[in-house]
Amino acid sequence: MLVSNNSYEAPQSFILNGIPGLEAVHIWISLPLCTMYIISLVGNLGLVYLIYYEESLHRPMYFFLAMLSLIDLFTCTTTLPNALFIFWFKLKEINFTACLVQMFFVHGFTGVESGVLMLMALDRYVAICYPLRYATILTNPVIAKAGLATFLRGVLLMIPFPFLVKRLPFCKSNVISHTYCDHMSVVKLSCASIKINVIYGLMVALLIGVFDICCISVSYTMILRAVVSLSSADARQKAFSTCTAHISAIIITYVPAFFTFFTHRFGGHTIPPSLHIIVANLYLLLPPTLNPIVYGMKTKQIRDSIIKFFHDEKVQGNPRKFS
């Protein structure tokens, strides 16, 4: 919005345009997204409650899993309801301040999720490489401090994003070709240089994404060395099986994340915008949907706890009859 020859004020609102080029099938796209969102809500809430309810799951590995489930819930809830309103009711307008708040939470929660995945890799490293010292190394205070540090890192590094966007002049269109307020999608509407935003975004990606992946890679390199050195084939298989669910979670999270990150910066003219936006939504929705399923299928303790939970509920619901 023009104010004078050399100054502009921020727009009062943006228009989230959904998935450009696929407006005719928005309703059909919304159905699988809505289904995945419901599965993620039920799966993650159920997993958190199960870990709270079952004392046998009161261990570091499952405390970290509960953290991951909570972050997944917050992440998808930050964006998916808004996307469904766009697809179903054509409610595309979002206040400028609300857009900045959504941007902060989206990037903040994804940054915290990356940190939790790193903590889970370190947990597996300690469990396999130092099994006798596992309980003394990963105590409840250590877990709480690690979780708090991961949360603060994600939040503090994301705080500058809204302020960096707010300082920009917006004299172009206020239409965002996306279903939510992503940092790069918003700043591309500015008529000023976004070099500082791009540099800071890359710096945050290095401090969070690259750092976490390096820690995860080092942890699994050490785990692989320790497992290969085991003499028993059964012991090797058991050690590997404890890591499969976490490795699946890493793949589910980081593959679409890197696709979104690199296409925003380097593939803008070669990747169709519709594909980019669909993957960006899946990046926020796939981990919350699949992580509870993967951990439920791959982790014996969780499977046993689910069976025990429903058995206890059945027993309580059908008290013994006395003649």
C-alpha atoms as a PDB file:
ATOM      1  CA  MET A   1       0.000   0.000   0.000  1.00  0.00           C
ATOM      2  CA  LEU A   2       1.528   3.291  -1.153  1.00  0.00           C
ATOM      3  CA  VAL A   3       1.875   6.135   1.364  1.00  0.00           C
ATOM      4  CA  SER A   4       4.345   8.479  -0.363  1.00  0.00           C
ATOM      5  CA  ASN A   5       6.850   8.353  -3.180  1.00  0.00           C
ATOM      6  CA  ASN A   6       9.454   6.500  -1.129  1.00  0.00           C
ATOM      7  CA  SER A   7       7.547   4.883   1.750  1.00  0.00           C
ATOM      8  CA  TYR A   8       5.054   2.052   2.025  1.00  0.00           C
ATOM      9  CA  GLU A   9       3.028   0.679   4.869  1.00  0.00           C
ATOM     10  CA  ALA A  10       2.387  -2.978   5.541  1.00  0.00           C
ATOM     11  CA  PRO A  11      -0.893  -4.376   4.199  1.00  0.00           C
ATOM     12  CA  GLN A  12      -3.657  -4.874   6.733  1.00  0.00           C
ATOM     13  CA  SER A  13      -4.109  -8.432   5.536  1.00  0.00           C
ATOM     14  CA  PHE A  14      -2.896 -11.056   3.102  1.00  0.00           C
ATOM     15  CA  ILE A  15      -4.866 -13.388   0.864  1.00  0.00           C
ATOM     16  CA  LEU A  16      -3.844 -17.039   1.135  1.00  0.00           C
ATOM     17  CA  ASN A  17      -4.609 -18.378  -2.313  1.00  0.00           C
ATOM     18  CA  GLY A  18      -4.448 -22.088  -1.487  1.00  0.00           C
ATOM     19  CA  ILE A  19      -2.908 -24.134  -4.296  1.00  0.00           C
ATOM     20  CA  PRO A  20      -2.816 -22.038  -7.490  1.00  0.00           C
ATOM     21  CA  GLY A  21      -3.861 -23.956 -10.585  1.00  0.00           C
ATOM     22  CA  LEU A  22      -5.747 -26.570  -8.605  1.00  0.00           C
ATOM     23  CA  GLU A  23      -8.631 -24.429  -7.337  1.00  0.00           C
ATOM     24  CA  ALA A  24     -11.153 -26.686  -9.071  1.00  0.00           C
ATOM     25  CA  VAL A  25     -10.065 -29.693  -7.031  1.00  0.00           C
ATOM     26  CA  HIS A  26      -9.477 -27.946  -3.700  1.00  0.00           C
ATOM     27  CA  ILE A  27     -12.389 -29.844  -2.158  1.00  0.00           C
ATOM     28  CA  TRP A  28     -10.925 -33.194  -3.231  1.00  0.00           C
ATOM     29  CA  ILE A  29      -7.458 -32.261  -1.982  1.00  0.00           C
ATOM     30  CA  SER A  30      -8.980 -31.318   1.366  1.00  0.00           C
ATOM     31  CA  LEU A  31     -10.431 -34.795   1.978  1.00  0.00           C
ATOM     32  CA  PRO A  32      -7.141 -36.711   2.397  1.00  0.00           C
ATOM     33  CA  LEU A  33      -5.652 -33.751   4.292  1.00  0.00           C
ATOM     34  CA  CYS A  34      -8.596 -33.702   6.694  1.00  0.00           C
ATOM     35  CA  THR A  35      -8.391 -37.474   7.142  1.00  0.00           C
ATOM     36  CA  MET A  36      -4.670 -37.269   7.893  1.00  0.00           C
ATOM     37  CA  TYR A  37      -5.281 -34.443  10.353  1.00  0.00           C
ATOM     38  CA  ILE A  38      -7.884 -36.474  12.251  1.00  0.00           C
ATOM     39  CA  ILE A  39      -5.541 -39.486  12.323  1.00  0.00           C
ATOM     40  CA  SER A  40      -2.730 -37.270  13.634  1.00  0.00           C
ATOM     41  CA  LEU A  41      -4.927 -35.850  16.403  1.00  0.00           C
ATOM     42  CA  VAL A  42      -6.167 -39.269  17.523  1.00  0.00           C
ATOM     43  CA  GLY A  43      -2.772 -40.972  17.133  1.00  0.00           C
ATOM     44  CA  ASN A  44      -0.652 -38.388  18.926  1.00  0.00           C
ATOM     45  CA  LEU A  45      -3.117 -37.658  21.719  1.00  0.00           C
ATOM     46  CA  GLY A  46      -3.517 -41.400  22.223  1.00  0.00           C
ATOM     47  CA  LEU A  47       0.245 -41.929  22.273  1.00  0.00           C
ATOM     48  CA  VAL A  48       0.812 -39.150  24.823  1.00  0.00           C
ATOM     49  CA  TYR A  49      -1.951 -40.502  27.041  1.00  0.00           C
ATOM     50  CA  LEU A  50      -0.609 -44.058  26.744  1.00  0.00           C
ATOM     51  CA  ILE A  51       2.883 -42.949  27.800  1.00  0.00           C
ATOM     52  CA  TYR A  52       1.352 -41.072  30.743  1.00  0.00           C
ATOM     53  CA  TYR A  53      -0.920 -43.979  31.714  1.00  0.00           C
ATOM     54  CA  GLU A  54       1.487 -46.923  31.376  1.00  0.00           C
ATOM     55  CA  GLU A  55       4.280 -46.941  33.967  1.00  0.00           C
ATOM     56  CA  SER A  56       6.399 -49.334  31.888  1.00  0.00           C
ATOM     57  CA  LEU A  57       6.749 -46.524  29.323  1.00  0.00           C
ATOM     58  CA  HIS A  58       8.119 -44.053  31.865  1.00  0.00           C
ATOM     59  CA  ARG A  59      11.561 -44.195  30.287  1.00  0.00           C
ATOM     60  CA  PRO A  60      13.681 -41.579  28.451  1.00  0.00           C
ATOM     61  CA  MET A  61      12.939 -42.990  24.992  1.00  0.00           C
ATOM     62  CA  TYR A  62       9.181 -42.626  25.508  1.00  0.00           C
ATOM     63  CA  PHE A  63       9.432 -39.245  27.222  1.00  0.00           C
ATOM     64  CA  PHE A  64      11.175 -37.955  24.086  1.00  0.00           C
ATOM     65  CA  LEU A  65       8.481 -39.638  21.983  1.00  0.00           C
ATOM     66  CA  ALA A  66       5.809 -37.832  23.995  1.00  0.00           C
ATOM     67  CA  MET A  67       7.626 -34.537  23.322  1.00  0.00           C
ATOM     68  CA  LEU A  68       7.676 -35.364  19.595  1.00  0.00           C
ATOM     69  CA  SER A  69       3.957 -36.176  19.602  1.00  0.00           C
ATOM     70  CA  LEU A  70       3.062 -32.901  21.325  1.00  0.00           C
ATOM     71  CA  ILE A  71       5.172 -30.873  18.901  1.00  0.00           C
ATOM     72  CA  ASP A  72       3.595 -32.728  15.962  1.00  0.00           C
ATOM     73  CA  LEU A  73       0.136 -31.871  17.290  1.00  0.00           C
ATOM     74  CA  PHE A  74       0.951 -28.172  17.616  1.00  0.00           C
ATOM     75  CA  THR A  75       2.648 -28.049  14.210  1.00  0.00           C
ATOM     76  CA  CYS A  76      -0.204 -29.474  12.160  1.00  0.00           C
ATOM     77  CA  THR A  77      -2.853 -27.570  14.167  1.00  0.00           C
ATOM     78  CA  THR A  78      -1.071 -24.310  13.363  1.00  0.00           C
ATOM     79  CA  THR A  79      -1.706 -24.715   9.624  1.00  0.00           C
ATOM     80  CA  LEU A  80      -4.208 -27.450   8.702  1.00  0.00           C
ATOM     81  CA  PRO A  81      -7.439 -25.898  10.071  1.00  0.00           C
ATOM     82  CA  ASN A  82      -6.593 -22.701   8.206  1.00  0.00           C
ATOM     83  CA  ALA A  83      -5.964 -24.652   4.978  1.00  0.00           C
ATOM     84  CA  LEU A  84      -9.282 -26.491   5.348  1.00  0.00           C
ATOM     85  CA  PHE A  85     -11.127 -23.182   5.786  1.00  0.00           C
ATOM     86  CA  ILE A  86      -9.552 -22.032   2.512  1.00  0.00           C
ATOM     87  CA  PHE A  87     -10.541 -25.216   0.670  1.00  0.00           C
ATOM     88  CA  TRP A  88     -14.064 -25.519   2.097  1.00  0.00           C
ATOM     89  CA  PHE A  89     -15.310 -21.995   2.748  1.00  0.00           C
ATOM     90  CA  LYS A  90     -13.001 -19.806   0.607  1.00  0.00           C
ATOM     91  CA  LEU A  91     -11.898 -17.947   3.768  1.00  0.00           C
ATOM     92  CA  LYS A  92      -8.603 -16.768   2.347  1.00  0.00           C
ATOM     93  CA  GLU A  93      -7.989 -13.495   4.165  1.00  0.00           C
ATOM     94  CA  ILE A  94      -5.574 -13.431   7.096  1.00  0.00           C
ATOM     95  CA  ASN A  95      -4.637 -10.408   9.173  1.00  0.00           C
ATOM     96  CA  PHE A  96      -1.047  -9.187   8.763  1.00  0.00           C
ATOM     97  CA  THR A  97      -0.238  -9.718  12.459  1.00  0.00           C
ATOM     98  CA  ALA A  98      -1.938 -13.126  12.481  1.00  0.00           C
ATOM     99  CA  CYS A  99       0.163 -14.064   9.454  1.00  0.00           C
ATOM    100  CA  LEU A 100       3.351 -13.160  11.316  1.00  0.00           C
ATOM    101  CA  VAL A 101       2.216 -15.144  14.374  1.00  0.00           C
ATOM    102  CA  GLN A 102       1.436 -18.184  12.243  1.00  0.00           C
ATOM    103  CA  MET A 103       4.826 -17.878  10.545  1.00  0.00           C
ATOM    104  CA  PHE A 104       6.571 -17.808  13.925  1.00  0.00           C
ATOM    105  CA  PHE A 105       4.751 -20.879  15.231  1.00  0.00           C
ATOM    106  CA  VAL A 106       5.190 -22.895  12.020  1.00  0.00           C
ATOM    107  CA  HIS A 107       8.950 -22.371  11.889  1.00  0.00           C
ATOM    108  CA  GLY A 108       9.333 -22.501  15.668  1.00  0.00           C
ATOM    109  CA  PHE A 109       7.592 -25.856  16.050  1.00  0.00           C
ATOM    110  CA  THR A 110       9.445 -27.401  13.108  1.00  0.00           C
ATOM    111  CA  GLY A 111      12.725 -26.227  14.619  1.00  0.00           C
ATOM    112  CA  VAL A 112      11.828 -27.793  17.976  1.00  0.00           C
ATOM    113  CA  GLU A 113      10.782 -31.026  16.237  1.00  0.00           C
ATOM    114  CA  SER A 114      14.188 -31.283  14.587  1.00  0.00           C
ATOM    115  CA  GLY A 115      15.827 -30.864  17.987  1.00  0.00           C
ATOM    116  CA  VAL A 116      13.670 -33.584  19.545  1.00  0.00           C
ATOM    117  CA  LEU A 117      14.635 -36.001  16.752  1.00  0.00           C
ATOM    118  CA  MET A 118      18.271 -35.231  17.553  1.00  0.00           C
ATOM    119  CA  LEU A 119      17.664 -35.938  21.268  1.00  0.00           C
ATOM    120  CA  MET A 120      16.026 -39.239  20.350  1.00  0.00           C
ATOM    121  CA  ALA A 121      19.100 -40.203  18.320  1.00  0.00           C
ATOM    122  CA  LEU A 122      21.333 -39.392  21.294  1.00  0.00           C
ATOM    123  CA  ASP A 123      19.020 -41.475  23.480  1.00  0.00           C
ATOM    124  CA  ARG A 124      19.476 -44.489  21.175  1.00  0.00           C
ATOM    125  CA  TYR A 125      23.240 -43.900  21.178  1.00  0.00           C
ATOM    126  CA  VAL A 126      23.432 -43.982  24.981  1.00  0.00           C
ATOM    127  CA  ALA A 127      21.063 -46.978  25.202  1.00  0.00           C
ATOM    128  CA  ILE A 128      23.106 -49.099  22.762  1.00  0.00           C
ATOM    129  CA  CYS A 129      26.651 -47.928  23.425  1.00  0.00           C
ATOM    130  CA  TYR A 130      26.370 -47.451  27.211  1.00  0.00           C
ATOM    131  CA  PRO A 131      23.494 -49.737  28.288  1.00  0.00           C
ATOM    132  CA  LEU A 132      24.727 -50.183  31.874  1.00  0.00           C
ATOM    133  CA  ARG A 133      24.944 -46.414  32.413  1.00  0.00           C
ATOM    134  CA  TYR A 134      21.747 -45.550  30.522  1.00  0.00           C
ATOM    135  CA  ALA A 135      19.619 -44.902  33.609  1.00  0.00           C
ATOM    136  CA  THR A 136      22.290 -42.814  35.321  1.00  0.00           C
ATOM    137  CA  ILE A 137      23.092 -40.700  32.250  1.00  0.00           C
ATOM    138  CA  LEU A 138      19.548 -39.950  31.093  1.00  0.00           C
ATOM    139  CA  THR A 139      17.868 -39.041  34.348  1.00  0.00           C
ATOM    140  CA  ASN A 140      14.576 -37.148  34.501  1.00  0.00           C
ATOM    141  CA  PRO A 141      16.300 -33.796  35.263  1.00  0.00           C
ATOM    142  CA  VAL A 142      18.629 -34.298  32.282  1.00  0.00           C
ATOM    143  CA  ILE A 143      15.666 -35.091  30.018  1.00  0.00           C
ATOM    144  CA  ALA A 144      13.781 -32.018  31.243  1.00  0.00           C
ATOM    145  CA  LYS A 145      16.789 -29.731  30.721  1.00  0.00           C
ATOM    146  CA  ALA A 146      17.475 -31.169  27.246  1.00  0.00           C
ATOM    147  CA  GLY A 147      13.832 -30.688  26.256  1.00  0.00           C
ATOM    148  CA  LEU A 148      13.795 -27.127  27.595  1.00  0.00           C
ATOM    149  CA  ALA A 149      17.062 -26.255  25.801  1.00  0.00           C
ATOM    150  CA  THR A 150      15.691 -27.645  22.536  1.00  0.00           C
ATOM    151  CA  PHE A 151      12.469 -25.670  22.940  1.00  0.00           C
ATOM    152  CA  LEU A 152      14.298 -22.423  23.744  1.00  0.00           C
ATOM    153  CA  ARG A 153      16.676 -22.853  20.812  1.00  0.00           C
ATOM    154  CA  GLY A 154      13.772 -23.262  18.394  1.00  0.00           C
ATOM    155  CA  VAL A 155      11.830 -20.326  19.828  1.00  0.00           C
ATOM    156  CA  LEU A 156      14.705 -17.854  20.221  1.00  0.00           C
ATOM    157  CA  LEU A 157      16.082 -18.444  16.729  1.00  0.00           C
ATOM    158  CA  MET A 158      12.620 -17.909  15.198  1.00  0.00           C
ATOM    159  CA  ILE A 159      11.752 -14.695  17.053  1.00  0.00           C
ATOM    160  CA  PRO A 160      13.631 -12.449  14.533  1.00  0.00           C
ATOM    161  CA  PHE A 161      11.609 -13.771  11.563  1.00  0.00           C
ATOM    162  CA  PRO A 162       8.414 -11.740  12.200  1.00  0.00           C
ATOM    163  CA  PHE A 163      10.437  -8.586  12.896  1.00  0.00           C
ATOM    164  CA  LEU A 164      12.509  -9.046   9.737  1.00  0.00           C
ATOM    165  CA  VAL A 165       9.289  -9.341   7.747  1.00  0.00           C
ATOM    166  CA  LYS A 166       7.576  -6.444   9.502  1.00  0.00           C
ATOM    167  CA  ARG A 167      10.350  -4.011   8.519  1.00  0.00           C
ATOM    168  CA  LEU A 168       9.855  -4.778   4.798  1.00  0.00           C
ATOM    169  CA  PRO A 169       7.777  -2.534   2.515  1.00  0.00           C
ATOM    170  CA  PHE A 170       4.989  -4.350   0.644  1.00  0.00           C
ATOM    171  CA  CYS A 171       4.031  -2.539  -2.521  1.00  0.00           C
ATOM    172  CA  LYS A 172       3.272  -5.612  -4.634  1.00  0.00           C
ATOM    173  CA  SER A 173       0.273  -7.903  -4.484  1.00  0.00           C
ATOM    174  CA  ASN A 174      -0.901  -9.089  -1.079  1.00  0.00           C
ATOM    175  CA  VAL A 175      -1.833 -12.521  -2.471  1.00  0.00           C
ATOM    176  CA  ILE A 176       0.275 -15.374  -1.047  1.00  0.00           C
ATOM    177  CA  SER A 177       0.345 -18.457  -3.238  1.00  0.00           C
ATOM    178  CA  HIS A 178       0.207 -20.848  -0.302  1.00  0.00           C
ATOM    179  CA  THR A 179      -2.132 -22.328   2.309  1.00  0.00           C
ATOM    180  CA  TYR A 180      -0.261 -20.775   5.242  1.00  0.00           C
ATOM    181  CA  CYS A 181       2.175 -17.943   5.952  1.00  0.00           C
ATOM    182  CA  ASP A 182       5.568 -19.362   5.123  1.00  0.00           C
ATOM    183  CA  HIS A 183       8.511 -16.990   5.596  1.00  0.00           C
ATOM    184  CA  MET A 184       9.823 -17.081   2.031  1.00  0.00           C
ATOM    185  CA  SER A 185       6.338 -16.944   0.476  1.00  0.00           C
ATOM    186  CA  VAL A 186       5.617 -13.729   2.383  1.00  0.00           C
ATOM    187  CA  VAL A 187       8.928 -11.910   1.854  1.00  0.00           C
ATOM    188  CA  LYS A 188       8.781 -12.532  -1.892  1.00  0.00           C
ATOM    189  CA  LEU A 189       5.883 -10.063  -1.975  1.00  0.00           C
ATOM    190  CA  SER A 190       8.136  -7.262  -0.747  1.00  0.00           C
ATOM    191  CA  CYS A 191       9.373  -4.581  -3.115  1.00  0.00           C
ATOM    192  CA  ALA A 192      12.655  -4.169  -1.183  1.00  0.00           C
ATOM    193  CA  SER A 193      15.760  -6.314  -0.914  1.00  0.00           C
ATOM    194  CA  ILE A 194      15.149  -9.517   1.058  1.00  0.00           C
ATOM    195  CA  LYS A 195      18.843 -10.381   1.288  1.00  0.00           C
ATOM    196  CA  ILE A 196      18.902 -10.122   5.099  1.00  0.00           C
ATOM    197  CA  ASN A 197      15.883 -12.428   5.363  1.00  0.00           C
ATOM    198  CA  VAL A 198      17.468 -14.996   3.061  1.00  0.00           C
ATOM    199  CA  ILE A 199      20.810 -14.890   4.897  1.00  0.00           C
ATOM    200  CA  TYR A 200      19.177 -15.231   8.298  1.00  0.00           C
ATOM    201  CA  GLY A 201      17.000 -18.081   7.019  1.00  0.00           C
ATOM    202  CA  LEU A 202      20.095 -19.929   5.802  1.00  0.00           C
ATOM    203  CA  MET A 203      21.852 -19.279   9.111  1.00  0.00           C
ATOM    204  CA  VAL A 204      18.924 -20.746  11.060  1.00  0.00           C
ATOM    205  CA  ALA A 205      18.855 -23.745   8.720  1.00  0.00           C
ATOM    206  CA  LEU A 206      22.543 -24.331   9.506  1.00  0.00           C
ATOM    207  CA  LEU A 207      22.142 -23.851  13.260  1.00  0.00           C
ATOM    208  CA  ILE A 208      19.134 -26.173  13.486  1.00  0.00           C
ATOM    209  CA  GLY A 209      18.750 -28.484  10.500  1.00  0.00           C
ATOM    210  CA  VAL A 210      22.375 -29.087   9.558  1.00  0.00           C
ATOM    211  CA  PHE A 211      23.569 -29.226  13.172  1.00  0.00           C
ATOM    212  CA  ASP A 212      20.847 -31.708  14.141  1.00  0.00           C
ATOM    213  CA  ILE A 213      21.472 -33.912  11.122  1.00  0.00           C
ATOM    214  CA  CYS A 214      25.201 -33.965  11.870  1.00  0.00           C
ATOM    215  CA  CYS A 215      24.492 -35.030  15.469  1.00  0.00           C
ATOM    216  CA  ILE A 216      22.057 -37.698  14.252  1.00  0.00           C
ATOM    217  CA  SER A 217      24.582 -38.968  11.692  1.00  0.00           C
ATOM    218  CA  VAL A 218      27.383 -39.160  14.262  1.00  0.00           C
ATOM    219  CA  SER A 219      25.075 -40.932  16.734  1.00  0.00           C
ATOM    220  CA  TYR A 220      24.054 -43.582  14.220  1.00  0.00           C
ATOM    221  CA  THR A 221      27.624 -44.035  13.012  1.00  0.00           C
ATOM    222  CA  MET A 222      28.629 -44.847  16.589  1.00  0.00           C
ATOM    223  CA  ILE A 223      25.550 -47.057  16.994  1.00  0.00           C
ATOM    224  CA  LEU A 224      26.404 -48.967  13.810  1.00  0.00           C
ATOM    225  CA  ARG A 225      29.955 -49.544  14.990  1.00  0.00           C
ATOM    226  CA  ALA A 226      28.715 -50.797  18.362  1.00  0.00           C
ATOM    227  CA  VAL A 227      26.067 -53.090  16.844  1.00  0.00           C
ATOM    228  CA  VAL A 228      28.419 -54.609  14.260  1.00  0.00           C
ATOM    229  CA  SER A 229      30.878 -55.471  17.020  1.00  0.00           C
ATOM    230  CA  LEU A 230      28.264 -57.564  18.852  1.00  0.00           C
ATOM    231  CA  SER A 231      28.976 -61.277  18.609  1.00  0.00           C
ATOM    232  CA  SER A 232      25.366 -62.458  18.751  1.00  0.00           C
ATOM    233  CA  ALA A 233      23.161 -62.134  15.672  1.00  0.00           C
ATOM    234  CA  ASP A 234      20.077 -61.903  17.905  1.00  0.00           C
ATOM    235  CA  ALA A 235      21.652 -59.051  19.868  1.00  0.00           C
ATOM    236  CA  ARG A 236      22.453 -57.200  16.642  1.00  0.00           C
ATOM    237  CA  GLN A 237      18.914 -57.644  15.357  1.00  0.00           C
ATOM    238  CA  LYS A 238      17.421 -56.477  18.650  1.00  0.00           C
ATOM    239  CA  ALA A 239      19.668 -53.402  18.716  1.00  0.00           C
ATOM    240  CA  PHE A 240      18.785 -52.502  15.134  1.00  0.00           C
ATOM    241  CA  SER A 241      15.063 -53.020  15.794  1.00  0.00           C
ATOM    242  CA  THR A 242      15.102 -50.383  18.548  1.00  0.00           C
ATOM    243  CA  CYS A 243      16.252 -47.800  15.989  1.00  0.00           C
ATOM    244  CA  THR A 244      13.986 -48.575  13.021  1.00  0.00           C
ATOM    245  CA  ALA A 245      11.049 -46.459  14.208  1.00  0.00           C
ATOM    246  CA  HIS A 246      13.298 -43.460  14.864  1.00  0.00           C
ATOM    247  CA  ILE A 247      15.043 -43.808  11.497  1.00  0.00           C
ATOM    248  CA  SER A 248      11.606 -43.889   9.825  1.00  0.00           C
ATOM    249  CA  ALA A 249      10.615 -40.713  11.704  1.00  0.00           C
ATOM    250  CA  ILE A 250      13.804 -38.999  10.515  1.00  0.00           C
ATOM    251  CA  ILE A 251      13.118 -39.899   6.883  1.00  0.00           C
ATOM    252  CA  ILE A 252       9.460 -38.844   7.119  1.00  0.00           C
ATOM    253  CA  THR A 253      10.452 -35.473   8.584  1.00  0.00           C
ATOM    254  CA  TYR A 254      13.599 -34.449   6.748  1.00  0.00           C
ATOM    255  CA  VAL A 255      12.919 -35.560   3.147  1.00  0.00           C
ATOM    256  CA  PRO A 256       9.922 -33.233   2.552  1.00  0.00           C
ATOM    257  CA  ALA A 257      11.598 -30.557   4.708  1.00  0.00           C
ATOM    258  CA  PHE A 258      14.682 -30.413   2.486  1.00  0.00           C
ATOM    259  CA  PHE A 259      12.545 -30.528  -0.653  1.00  0.00           C
ATOM    260  CA  THR A 260      10.582 -27.497   0.589  1.00  0.00           C
ATOM    261  CA  PHE A 261      13.692 -25.618   1.699  1.00  0.00           C
ATOM    262  CA  PHE A 262      15.674 -26.050  -1.524  1.00  0.00           C
ATOM    263  CA  THR A 263      12.787 -25.515  -3.953  1.00  0.00           C
ATOM    264  CA  HIS A 264      11.959 -22.209  -2.260  1.00  0.00           C
ATOM    265  CA  ARG A 265      15.488 -20.953  -2.795  1.00  0.00           C
ATOM    266  CA  PHE A 266      16.837 -22.739  -5.860  1.00  0.00           C
ATOM    267  CA  GLY A 267      13.967 -24.393  -7.726  1.00  0.00           C
ATOM    268  CA  GLY A 268      11.438 -21.626  -8.089  1.00  0.00           C
ATOM    269  CA  HIS A 269      11.442 -21.728 -11.904  1.00  0.00           C
ATOM    270  CA  THR A 270      11.696 -25.500 -12.397  1.00  0.00           C
ATOM    271  CA  ILE A 271       9.330 -26.930  -9.746  1.00  0.00           C
ATOM    272  CA  PRO A 272       5.579 -26.335 -10.340  1.00  0.00           C
ATOM    273  CA  PRO A 273       4.195 -24.092  -7.559  1.00  0.00           C
ATOM    274  CA  SER A 274       1.330 -26.508  -6.939  1.00  0.00           C
ATOM    275  CA  LEU A 275       3.757 -29.382  -6.278  1.00  0.00           C
ATOM    276  CA  HIS A 276       5.812 -27.230  -3.944  1.00  0.00           C
ATOM    277  CA  ILE A 277       2.746 -26.197  -1.908  1.00  0.00           C
ATOM    278  CA  ILE A 278       1.422 -29.762  -1.682  1.00  0.00           C
ATOM    279  CA  VAL A 279       4.795 -31.022  -0.436  1.00  0.00           C
ATOM    280  CA  ALA A 280       5.007 -28.097   2.018  1.00  0.00           C
ATOM    281  CA  ASN A 281       1.669 -29.174   3.506  1.00  0.00           C
ATOM    282  CA  LEU A 282       2.723 -32.810   3.626  1.00  0.00           C
ATOM    283  CA  TYR A 283       5.952 -31.728   5.327  1.00  0.00           C
ATOM    284  CA  LEU A 284       3.858 -30.438   8.235  1.00  0.00           C
ATOM    285  CA  LEU A 285       1.254 -33.234   8.147  1.00  0.00           C
ATOM    286  CA  LEU A 286       3.079 -36.468   7.301  1.00  0.00           C
ATOM    287  CA  PRO A 287       5.186 -36.716  10.507  1.00  0.00           C
ATOM    288  CA  PRO A 288       2.196 -36.148  12.847  1.00  0.00           C
ATOM    289  CA  THR A 289       0.156 -38.699  10.885  1.00  0.00           C
ATOM    290  CA  LEU A 290       2.740 -41.435  10.413  1.00  0.00           C
ATOM    291  CA  ASN A 291       4.910 -41.215  13.546  1.00  0.00           C
ATOM    292  CA  PRO A 292       2.298 -42.728  15.923  1.00  0.00           C
ATOM    293  CA  ILE A 293       1.590 -45.489  13.383  1.00  0.00           C
ATOM    294  CA  VAL A 294       5.275 -46.247  12.838  1.00  0.00           C
ATOM    295  CA  TYR A 295       6.080 -46.313  16.552  1.00  0.00           C
ATOM    296  CA  GLY A 296       2.980 -48.387  17.252  1.00  0.00           C
ATOM    297  CA  MET A 297       3.981 -50.979  14.655  1.00  0.00           C
ATOM    298  CA  LYS A 298       7.746 -51.021  15.224  1.00  0.00           C
ATOM    299  CA  THR A 299       7.959 -50.736  19.026  1.00  0.00           C
ATOM    300  CA  LYS A 300       7.018 -53.881  20.942  1.00  0.00           C
ATOM    301  CA  GLN A 301       6.633 -52.089  24.282  1.00  0.00           C
ATOM    302  CA  ILE A 302       4.065 -49.704  22.773  1.00  0.00           C
ATOM    303  CA  ARG A 303       2.155 -52.565  21.128  1.00  0.00           C
ATOM    304  CA  ASP A 304       2.080 -54.482  24.407  1.00  0.00           C
ATOM    305  CA  SER A 305       0.987 -51.361  26.294  1.00  0.00           C
ATOM    306  CA  ILE A 306      -1.868 -50.738  23.843  1.00  0.00           C
ATOM    307  CA  ILE A 307      -3.086 -54.328  24.275  1.00  0.00           C
ATOM    308  CA  LYS A 308      -2.797 -54.055  28.054  1.00  0.00           C
ATOM    309  CA  PHE A 309      -4.613 -50.702  28.074  1.00  0.00           C
ATOM    310  CA  PHE A 310      -7.610 -52.009  26.114  1.00  0.00           C
ATOM    311  CA  HIS A 311      -7.645 -55.224  28.150  1.00  0.00           C
ATOM    312  CA  ASP A 312      -7.782 -53.191  31.381  1.00  0.00           C
ATOM    313  CA  GLU A 313     -10.561 -51.015  29.955  1.00  0.00           C
ATOM    314  CA  LYS A 314     -12.514 -54.121  28.955  1.00  0.00           C
ATOM    315  CA  VAL A 315     -12.120 -55.654  32.407  1.00  0.00           C
ATOM    316  CA  GLN A 316     -13.275 -52.424  34.084  1.00  0.00           C
ATOM    317  CA  GLY A 317     -16.196 -52.136  31.702  1.00  0.00           C
ATOM    318  CA  ASN A 318     -17.330 -55.737  32.344  1.00  0.00           C
ATOM    319  CA  PRO A 319     -17.097 -56.427  36.075  1.00  0.00           C
ATOM    320  CA  ARG A 320     -17.276 -60.035  37.162  1.00  0.00           C
ATOM    321  CA  LYS A 321     -20.774 -61.232  37.840  1.00  0.00           C
ATOM    322  CA  PHE A 322     -21.445 -63.150  41.007  1.00  0.00           C
ATOM    323  CA  SER A 323     -24.219 -65.676  41.254  1.00  0.00           C
END
